[in-house]
Amino acid sequence: MKQRLYKVVAAVAIGVTSLFSLTGSYLWINQPRIPDELAKKEVV
């Protein structure tokens, strides 16, 4: 029972870690740019 719990915890940890690393890599490679119309929006 404990071994199964450890495997589940490890799988969840690997999933969360890969989600963060893949998202970070995607944003770092693509370098999304905010359009000027949205960036210069003035607060009223």
Foldseek 3Di string as FASTA:
>chain_A
DVVVVVVVVVVVVVVVVVVVVVVVVVCVVVVDDDDPVVVPDDDD
